[in-house]
PDB file of N, CA and C in Angstrom:
ATOM      1  N   MET A   1     -25.466   0.527  11.639  1.00  0.00           N
ATOM      2  CA  MET A   1     -25.285   0.824  10.250  1.00  0.00           C
ATOM      3  C   MET A   1     -24.120  -0.017   9.751  1.00  0.00           C
ATOM      4  N   TYR A   2     -24.272  -0.563   8.531  1.00  0.00           N
ATOM      5  CA  TYR A   2     -23.197  -1.320   7.887  1.00  0.00           C
ATOM      6  C   TYR A   2     -22.782  -0.572   6.633  1.00  0.00           C
ATOM      7  N   VAL A   3     -21.487  -0.331   6.526  1.00  0.00           N
ATOM      8  CA  VAL A   3     -20.951   0.373   5.370  1.00  0.00           C
ATOM      9  C   VAL A   3     -20.002  -0.568   4.632  1.00  0.00           C
ATOM     10  N   ALA A   4     -20.302  -0.851   3.353  1.00  0.00           N
ATOM     11  CA  ALA A   4     -19.430  -1.691   2.537  1.00  0.00           C
ATOM     12  C   ALA A   4     -18.240  -0.857   2.068  1.00  0.00           C
ATOM     13  N   VAL A   5     -17.035  -1.387   2.276  1.00  0.00           N
ATOM     14  CA  VAL A   5     -15.804  -0.682   1.915  1.00  0.00           C
ATOM     15  C   VAL A   5     -14.883  -1.618   1.138  1.00  0.00           C
ATOM     16  N   ASP A   6     -13.987  -1.039   0.354  1.00  0.00           N
ATOM     17  CA  ASP A   6     -13.033  -1.829  -0.430  1.00  0.00           C
ATOM     18  C   ASP A   6     -11.848  -2.327   0.397  1.00  0.00           C
ATOM     19  N   ASP A   7     -11.417  -1.544   1.390  1.00  0.00           N
ATOM     20  CA  ASP A   7     -10.211  -1.885   2.150  1.00  0.00           C
ATOM     21  C   ASP A   7     -10.466  -1.750   3.654  1.00  0.00           C
ATOM     22  N   PRO A   8     -11.104  -2.766   4.255  1.00  0.00           N
ATOM     23  CA  PRO A   8     -11.404  -2.668   5.682  1.00  0.00           C
ATOM     24  C   PRO A   8     -10.155  -2.631   6.567  1.00  0.00           C
ATOM     25  N   ASP A   9      -9.064  -3.216   6.115  1.00  0.00           N
ATOM     26  CA  ASP A   9      -7.833  -3.201   6.917  1.00  0.00           C
ATOM     27  C   ASP A   9      -7.314  -1.777   7.094  1.00  0.00           C
ATOM     28  N   ALA A  10      -7.294  -1.016   6.008  1.00  0.00           N
ATOM     29  CA  ALA A  10      -6.824   0.371   6.078  1.00  0.00           C
ATOM     30  C   ALA A  10      -7.775   1.217   6.909  1.00  0.00           C
ATOM     31  N   LEU A  11      -9.082   1.014   6.741  1.00  0.00           N
ATOM     32  CA  LEU A  11     -10.053   1.781   7.514  1.00  0.00           C
ATOM     33  C   LEU A  11      -9.978   1.440   8.996  1.00  0.00           C
ATOM     34  N   TYR A  12      -9.798   0.168   9.314  1.00  0.00           N
ATOM     35  CA  TYR A  12      -9.630  -0.270  10.703  1.00  0.00           C
ATOM     36  C   TYR A  12      -8.440   0.444  11.349  1.00  0.00           C
ATOM     37  N   ALA A  13      -7.301   0.449  10.652  1.00  0.00           N
ATOM     38  CA  ALA A  13      -6.098   1.112  11.177  1.00  0.00           C
ATOM     39  C   ALA A  13      -6.352   2.598  11.389  1.00  0.00           C
ATOM     40  N   LYS A  14      -7.022   3.231  10.451  1.00  0.00           N
ATOM     41  CA  LYS A  14      -7.312   4.664  10.551  1.00  0.00           C
ATOM     42  C   LYS A  14      -8.276   4.944  11.719  1.00  0.00           C
ATOM     43  N   ALA A  15      -9.325   4.140  11.840  1.00  0.00           N
ATOM     44  CA  ALA A  15     -10.298   4.325  12.928  1.00  0.00           C
ATOM     45  C   ALA A  15      -9.628   4.125  14.289  1.00  0.00           C
ATOM     46  N   LYS A  16      -8.827   3.082  14.404  1.00  0.00           N
ATOM     47  CA  LYS A  16      -8.141   2.803  15.672  1.00  0.00           C
ATOM     48  C   LYS A  16      -7.174   3.932  16.026  1.00  0.00           C
ATOM     49  N   ALA A  17      -6.428   4.416  15.045  1.00  0.00           N
ATOM     50  CA  ALA A  17      -5.479   5.506  15.287  1.00  0.00           C
ATOM     51  C   ALA A  17      -6.191   6.793  15.688  1.00  0.00           C
ATOM     52  N   ALA A  18      -7.420   6.971  15.204  1.00  0.00           N
ATOM     53  CA  ALA A  18      -8.190   8.178  15.523  1.00  0.00           C
ATOM     54  C   ALA A  18      -8.910   8.071  16.866  1.00  0.00           C
ATOM     55  N   GLY A  19      -8.791   6.923  17.530  1.00  0.00           N
ATOM     56  CA  GLY A  19      -9.369   6.776  18.860  1.00  0.00           C
ATOM     57  C   GLY A  19     -10.738   6.125  18.904  1.00  0.00           C
ATOM     58  N   ALA A  20     -11.192   5.545  17.796  1.00  0.00           N
ATOM     59  CA  ALA A  20     -12.477   4.844  17.819  1.00  0.00           C
ATOM     60  C   ALA A  20     -12.373   3.661  18.775  1.00  0.00           C
ATOM     61  N   ARG A  21     -13.454   3.389  19.490  1.00  0.00           N
ATOM     62  CA  ARG A  21     -13.476   2.222  20.391  1.00  0.00           C
ATOM     63  C   ARG A  21     -13.870   1.006  19.552  1.00  0.00           C
ATOM     64  N   ILE A  22     -12.977   0.051  19.442  1.00  0.00           N
ATOM     65  CA  ILE A  22     -13.224  -1.145  18.642  1.00  0.00           C
ATOM     66  C   ILE A  22     -14.098  -2.101  19.456  1.00  0.00           C
ATOM     67  N   GLU A  23     -15.266  -2.416  18.927  1.00  0.00           N
ATOM     68  CA  GLU A  23     -16.206  -3.325  19.591  1.00  0.00           C
ATOM     69  C   GLU A  23     -16.034  -4.759  19.106  1.00  0.00           C
ATOM     70  N   MET A  24     -15.643  -4.932  17.850  1.00  0.00           N
ATOM     71  CA  MET A  24     -15.349  -6.249  17.300  1.00  0.00           C
ATOM     72  C   MET A  24     -14.129  -6.102  16.411  1.00  0.00           C
ATOM     73  N   GLU A  25     -13.091  -6.853  16.730  1.00  0.00           N
ATOM     74  CA  GLU A  25     -11.841  -6.779  15.976  1.00  0.00           C
ATOM     75  C   GLU A  25     -12.057  -7.177  14.521  1.00  0.00           C
ATOM     76  N   LEU A  26     -11.159  -6.741  13.680  1.00  0.00           N
ATOM     77  CA  LEU A  26     -11.165  -7.078  12.262  1.00  0.00           C
ATOM     78  C   LEU A  26     -11.134  -8.600  12.133  1.00  0.00           C
ATOM     79  N   ARG A  27     -12.023  -9.137  11.281  1.00  0.00           N
ATOM     80  CA  ARG A  27     -12.115 -10.593  11.146  1.00  0.00           C
ATOM     81  C   ARG A  27     -12.629 -10.973   9.761  1.00  0.00           C
ATOM     82  N   ASN A  28     -12.405 -12.227   9.429  1.00  0.00           N
ATOM     83  CA  ASN A  28     -12.976 -12.813   8.217  1.00  0.00           C
ATOM     84  C   ASN A  28     -14.208 -13.597   8.640  1.00  0.00           C
ATOM     85  N   THR A  29     -15.322 -13.403   7.945  1.00  0.00           N
ATOM     86  CA  THR A  29     -16.552 -14.109   8.281  1.00  0.00           C
ATOM     87  C   THR A  29     -16.673 -15.395   7.469  1.00  0.00           C
ATOM     88  N   ASP A  30     -17.594 -16.265   7.892  1.00  0.00           N
ATOM     89  CA  ASP A  30     -17.819 -17.508   7.161  1.00  0.00           C
ATOM     90  C   ASP A  30     -18.564 -17.283   5.844  1.00  0.00           C
ATOM     91  N   TYR A  31     -19.116 -16.084   5.632  1.00  0.00           N
ATOM     92  CA  TYR A  31     -19.823 -15.793   4.382  1.00  0.00           C
ATOM     93  C   TYR A  31     -18.982 -14.933   3.434  1.00  0.00           C
ATOM     94  N   GLY A  32     -17.691 -14.804   3.741  1.00  0.00           N
ATOM     95  CA  GLY A  32     -16.766 -14.189   2.803  1.00  0.00           C
ATOM     96  C   GLY A  32     -16.459 -12.716   2.987  1.00  0.00           C
ATOM     97  N   SER A  33     -16.972 -12.103   4.030  1.00  0.00           N
ATOM     98  CA  SER A  33     -16.696 -10.689   4.266  1.00  0.00           C
ATOM     99  C   SER A  33     -15.513 -10.543   5.217  1.00  0.00           C
ATOM    100  N   ARG A  34     -14.890  -9.411   5.182  1.00  0.00           N
ATOM    101  CA  ARG A  34     -13.864  -9.033   6.167  1.00  0.00           C
ATOM    102  C   ARG A  34     -14.376  -7.766   6.799  1.00  0.00           C
ATOM    103  N   ASP A  35     -14.605  -7.781   8.108  1.00  0.00           N
ATOM    104  CA  ASP A  35     -15.243  -6.628   8.724  1.00  0.00           C
ATOM    105  C   ASP A  35     -14.853  -6.402  10.175  1.00  0.00           C
ATOM    106  N   PHE A  36     -15.290  -5.256  10.692  1.00  0.00           N
ATOM    107  CA  PHE A  36     -15.076  -4.887  12.094  1.00  0.00           C
ATOM    108  C   PHE A  36     -16.186  -3.933  12.514  1.00  0.00           C
ATOM    109  N   ILE A  37     -16.313  -3.757  13.835  1.00  0.00           N
ATOM    110  CA  ILE A  37     -17.324  -2.859  14.393  1.00  0.00           C
ATOM    111  C   ILE A  37     -16.632  -1.926  15.379  1.00  0.00           C
ATOM    112  N   CYS A  38     -17.009  -0.642  15.325  1.00  0.00           N
ATOM    113  CA  CYS A  38     -16.434   0.334  16.254  1.00  0.00           C
ATOM    114  C   CYS A  38     -17.478   1.374  16.657  1.00  0.00           C
ATOM    115  N   ARG A  39     -17.124   2.150  17.668  1.00  0.00           N
ATOM    116  CA  ARG A  39     -17.955   3.275  18.108  1.00  0.00           C
ATOM    117  C   ARG A  39     -17.187   4.564  17.864  1.00  0.00           C
ATOM    118  N   ASP A  40     -17.918   5.571  17.405  1.00  0.00           N
ATOM    119  CA  ASP A  40     -17.302   6.884  17.210  1.00  0.00           C
ATOM    120  C   ASP A  40     -17.305   7.634  18.549  1.00  0.00           C
ATOM    121  N   PRO A  41     -16.707   8.815  18.618  1.00  0.00           N
ATOM    122  CA  PRO A  41     -16.629   9.555  19.885  1.00  0.00           C
ATOM    123  C   PRO A  41     -17.984   9.863  20.525  1.00  0.00           C
ATOM    124  N   GLU A  42     -19.048   9.908  19.725  1.00  0.00           N
ATOM    125  CA  GLU A  42     -20.389  10.170  20.268  1.00  0.00           C
ATOM    126  C   GLU A  42     -21.087   8.890  20.722  1.00  0.00           C
ATOM    127  N   GLY A  43     -20.441   7.741  20.550  1.00  0.00           N
ATOM    128  CA  GLY A  43     -20.995   6.468  20.987  1.00  0.00           C
ATOM    129  C   GLY A  43     -21.809   5.726  19.938  1.00  0.00           C
ATOM    130  N   ASN A  44     -21.875   6.260  18.713  1.00  0.00           N
ATOM    131  CA  ASN A  44     -22.609   5.583  17.648  1.00  0.00           C
ATOM    132  C   ASN A  44     -21.854   4.346  17.191  1.00  0.00           C
ATOM    133  N   LEU A  45     -22.595   3.265  16.932  1.00  0.00           N
ATOM    134  CA  LEU A  45     -22.014   1.999  16.508  1.00  0.00           C
ATOM    135  C   LEU A  45     -21.963   1.932  14.986  1.00  0.00           C
ATOM    136  N   TRP A  46     -20.783   1.589  14.462  1.00  0.00           N
ATOM    137  CA  TRP A  46     -20.566   1.501  13.018  1.00  0.00           C
ATOM    138  C   TRP A  46     -19.988   0.129  12.683  1.00  0.00           C
ATOM    139  N   SER A  47     -20.513  -0.488  11.640  1.00  0.00           N
ATOM    140  CA  SER A  47     -19.980  -1.748  11.128  1.00  0.00           C
ATOM    141  C   SER A  47     -19.448  -1.493   9.728  1.00  0.00           C
ATOM    142  N   PHE A  48     -18.235  -1.940   9.470  1.00  0.00           N
ATOM    143  CA  PHE A  48     -17.610  -1.765   8.166  1.00  0.00           C
ATOM    144  C   PHE A  48     -17.128  -3.117   7.670  1.00  0.00           C
ATOM    145  N   GLY A  49     -17.265  -3.361   6.381  1.00  0.00           N
ATOM    146  CA  GLY A  49     -16.770  -4.606   5.824  1.00  0.00           C
ATOM    147  C   GLY A  49     -16.897  -4.665   4.324  1.00  0.00           C
ATOM    148  N   THR A  50     -16.470  -5.782   3.783  1.00  0.00           N
ATOM    149  CA  THR A  50     -16.462  -5.946   2.335  1.00  0.00           C
ATOM    150  C   THR A  50     -17.741  -6.563   1.799  1.00  0.00           C
ATOM    151  N   TYR A  51     -18.630  -7.029   2.673  1.00  0.00           N
ATOM    152  CA  TYR A  51     -19.833  -7.704   2.198  1.00  0.00           C
ATOM    153  C   TYR A  51     -20.734  -6.762   1.421  1.00  0.00           C
ATOM    154  N   TRP A  52     -21.052  -7.157   0.203  1.00  0.00           N
ATOM    155  CA  TRP A  52     -21.995  -6.425  -0.640  1.00  0.00           C
ATOM    156  C   TRP A  52     -22.952  -7.477  -1.176  1.00  0.00           C
ATOM    157  N   PRO A  53     -24.216  -7.484  -0.735  1.00  0.00           N
ATOM    158  CA  PRO A  53     -25.138  -8.582  -1.069  1.00  0.00           C
ATOM    159  C   PRO A  53     -25.386  -8.754  -2.567  1.00  0.00           C
ATOM    160  N   LYS A  54     -25.151  -7.753  -3.336  1.00  0.00           N
ATOM    161  CA  LYS A  54     -25.318  -7.851  -4.783  1.00  0.00           C
ATOM    162  C   LYS A  54     -23.942  -7.680  -5.410  1.00  0.00           C
ATOM    163  N   ALA A  55     -23.075  -8.651  -5.157  1.00  0.00           N
ATOM    164  CA  ALA A  55     -21.670  -8.560  -5.546  1.00  0.00           C
ATOM    165  C   ALA A  55     -21.476  -8.284  -7.033  1.00  0.00           C
ATOM    166  N   HIS A  56     -22.434  -8.672  -7.840  1.00  0.00           N
ATOM    167  CA  HIS A  56     -22.308  -8.452  -9.276  1.00  0.00           C
ATOM    168  C   HIS A  56     -22.640  -7.009  -9.660  1.00  0.00           C
ATOM    169  N   GLU A  57     -23.160  -6.219  -8.683  1.00  0.00           N
ATOM    170  CA  GLU A  57     -23.490  -4.812  -8.921  1.00  0.00           C
ATOM    171  C   GLU A  57     -22.534  -3.913  -8.169  1.00  0.00           C
ATOM    172  N   LYS A  58     -22.264  -2.753  -8.683  1.00  0.00           N
ATOM    173  CA  LYS A  58     -21.439  -1.774  -7.975  1.00  0.00           C
ATOM    174  C   LYS A  58     -22.333  -1.012  -6.982  1.00  0.00           C
ATOM    175  N   PRO A  59     -21.790  -0.661  -5.792  1.00  0.00           N
ATOM    176  CA  PRO A  59     -22.561   0.159  -4.845  1.00  0.00           C
ATOM    177  C   PRO A  59     -22.956   1.489  -5.484  1.00  0.00           C
ATOM    178  N   THR A  60     -24.119   1.992  -5.126  1.00  0.00           N
ATOM    179  CA  THR A  60     -24.559   3.268  -5.665  1.00  0.00           C
ATOM    180  C   THR A  60     -23.839   4.399  -4.964  1.00  0.00           C
ATOM    181  N   GLU A  61     -23.589   5.454  -5.679  1.00  0.00           N
ATOM    182  CA  GLU A  61     -22.939   6.640  -5.105  1.00  0.00           C
ATOM    183  C   GLU A  61     -23.988   7.463  -4.387  1.00  0.00           C
ATOM    184  N   ALA A  62     -23.631   7.962  -3.219  1.00  0.00           N
ATOM    185  CA  ALA A  62     -24.566   8.784  -2.433  1.00  0.00           C
ATOM    186  C   ALA A  62     -24.480  10.227  -2.856  1.00  0.00           C
TER     187      ALA A  62
END
């Protein structure tokens, strides 16, 4: 799962402090996103970053 976020640096710090296993360190991609990948305590893989494919649109609220 990929979750678009406004501040991946803050989320990375929070996830790491909470004990998430970091699978891919925080990085800047060649397509303009800043992202990282981690696993939660149940082993689920999560990807977080700034990439939003429709940058001119706001993400929909769930």
